[in-house]
């Protein structure tokens, strides 16, 4: 995706995902990834979180 952005093949990149609140409640979220917009992130107060997924990707691929 970064290569496509750098080669001007795409203008923006978004990620769409569900934010889990409870079994009965998931909230659809849209997050702009490229181009980076640091001002918007500061205004919303959202921070980048590094999640740990188990099992690791190598185990999933096997």
C-alpha atoms as a PDB file:
ATOM      1  CA  UNK A   1       0.000   0.000   0.000  1.00  0.00           C
ATOM      2  CA  UNK A   2       2.843   2.392   0.786  1.00  0.00           C
ATOM      3  CA  UNK A   3       4.398   1.676  -2.615  1.00  0.00           C
ATOM      4  CA  UNK A   4       1.079   2.419  -4.333  1.00  0.00           C
ATOM      5  CA  UNK A   5       0.851   5.678  -2.396  1.00  0.00           C
ATOM      6  CA  UNK A   6       4.459   6.652  -3.156  1.00  0.00           C
ATOM      7  CA  UNK A   7       3.957   5.834  -6.850  1.00  0.00           C
ATOM      8  CA  UNK A   8       0.838   8.087  -6.893  1.00  0.00           C
ATOM      9  CA  UNK A   9      -1.401   5.139  -7.787  1.00  0.00           C
ATOM     10  CA  UNK A  10      -3.621   5.880  -4.771  1.00  0.00           C
ATOM     11  CA  UNK A  11      -4.262   9.218  -3.049  1.00  0.00           C
ATOM     12  CA  UNK A  12      -5.421   7.972   0.347  1.00  0.00           C
ATOM     13  CA  UNK A  13      -5.527   4.748   2.330  1.00  0.00           C
ATOM     14  CA  UNK A  14      -8.220   3.952   4.882  1.00  0.00           C
ATOM     15  CA  UNK A  15      -8.704   1.008   7.222  1.00  0.00           C
ATOM     16  CA  UNK A  16     -12.253  -0.009   8.165  1.00  0.00           C
ATOM     17  CA  UNK A  17     -12.728  -2.235  11.207  1.00  0.00           C
ATOM     18  CA  UNK A  18     -15.120  -3.091  14.047  1.00  0.00           C
ATOM     19  CA  UNK A  19     -14.353  -1.818  17.536  1.00  0.00           C
ATOM     20  CA  UNK A  20     -15.527  -4.449  20.008  1.00  0.00           C
ATOM     21  CA  UNK A  21     -17.533  -3.062  22.933  1.00  0.00           C
ATOM     22  CA  UNK A  22     -19.487  -6.188  23.889  1.00  0.00           C
ATOM     23  CA  UNK A  23     -20.994  -9.259  22.243  1.00  0.00           C
ATOM     24  CA  UNK A  24     -24.047  -7.195  21.322  1.00  0.00           C
ATOM     25  CA  UNK A  25     -22.204  -4.005  20.412  1.00  0.00           C
ATOM     26  CA  UNK A  26     -19.501  -3.438  17.846  1.00  0.00           C
ATOM     27  CA  UNK A  27     -18.840  -0.013  16.404  1.00  0.00           C
ATOM     28  CA  UNK A  28     -17.665   0.411  12.805  1.00  0.00           C
ATOM     29  CA  UNK A  29     -14.567   2.603  12.667  1.00  0.00           C
ATOM     30  CA  UNK A  30     -12.760   4.188   9.722  1.00  0.00           C
ATOM     31  CA  UNK A  31      -9.180   5.350  10.142  1.00  0.00           C
ATOM     32  CA  UNK A  32      -7.150   7.256   7.573  1.00  0.00           C
ATOM     33  CA  UNK A  33      -3.667   5.745   7.297  1.00  0.00           C
ATOM     34  CA  UNK A  34      -2.118   7.654   4.381  1.00  0.00           C
ATOM     35  CA  UNK A  35      -1.277  10.445   4.018  1.00  0.00           C
ATOM     36  CA  UNK A  36      -0.332  10.873   7.657  1.00  0.00           C
ATOM     37  CA  UNK A  37      -2.296  13.602   9.410  1.00  0.00           C
ATOM     38  CA  UNK A  38      -0.802  14.334  12.822  1.00  0.00           C
ATOM     39  CA  UNK A  39      -3.086  17.309  13.533  1.00  0.00           C
ATOM     40  CA  UNK A  40      -6.268  15.227  13.362  1.00  0.00           C
ATOM     41  CA  UNK A  41      -4.847  12.593  15.715  1.00  0.00           C
ATOM     42  CA  UNK A  42      -3.935  15.276  18.255  1.00  0.00           C
ATOM     43  CA  UNK A  43      -7.435  16.792  18.041  1.00  0.00           C
ATOM     44  CA  UNK A  44      -9.246  13.497  18.584  1.00  0.00           C
ATOM     45  CA  UNK A  45      -6.966  12.411  21.399  1.00  0.00           C
ATOM     46  CA  UNK A  46      -6.626   8.966  19.853  1.00  0.00           C
ATOM     47  CA  UNK A  47      -3.283   7.301  20.198  1.00  0.00           C
ATOM     48  CA  UNK A  48      -1.608   4.526  18.314  1.00  0.00           C
ATOM     49  CA  UNK A  49      -1.851   1.224  20.169  1.00  0.00           C
ATOM     50  CA  UNK A  50       0.385  -1.745  19.484  1.00  0.00           C
ATOM     51  CA  UNK A  51      -1.730  -4.877  19.887  1.00  0.00           C
ATOM     52  CA  UNK A  52      -0.282  -8.311  20.550  1.00  0.00           C
ATOM     53  CA  UNK A  53      -2.074 -11.053  18.645  1.00  0.00           C
ATOM     54  CA  UNK A  54      -1.693 -14.680  19.601  1.00  0.00           C
ATOM     55  CA  UNK A  55      -0.721 -16.988  18.073  1.00  0.00           C
ATOM     56  CA  UNK A  56       2.004 -15.186  16.145  1.00  0.00           C
ATOM     57  CA  UNK A  57       1.676 -14.792  12.340  1.00  0.00           C
ATOM     58  CA  UNK A  58       4.131 -17.626  11.580  1.00  0.00           C
ATOM     59  CA  UNK A  59       2.010 -20.104  13.534  1.00  0.00           C
ATOM     60  CA  UNK A  60      -1.145 -18.966  11.724  1.00  0.00           C
ATOM     61  CA  UNK A  61       0.426 -19.451   8.296  1.00  0.00           C
ATOM     62  CA  UNK A  62       1.540 -23.042   8.988  1.00  0.00           C
END
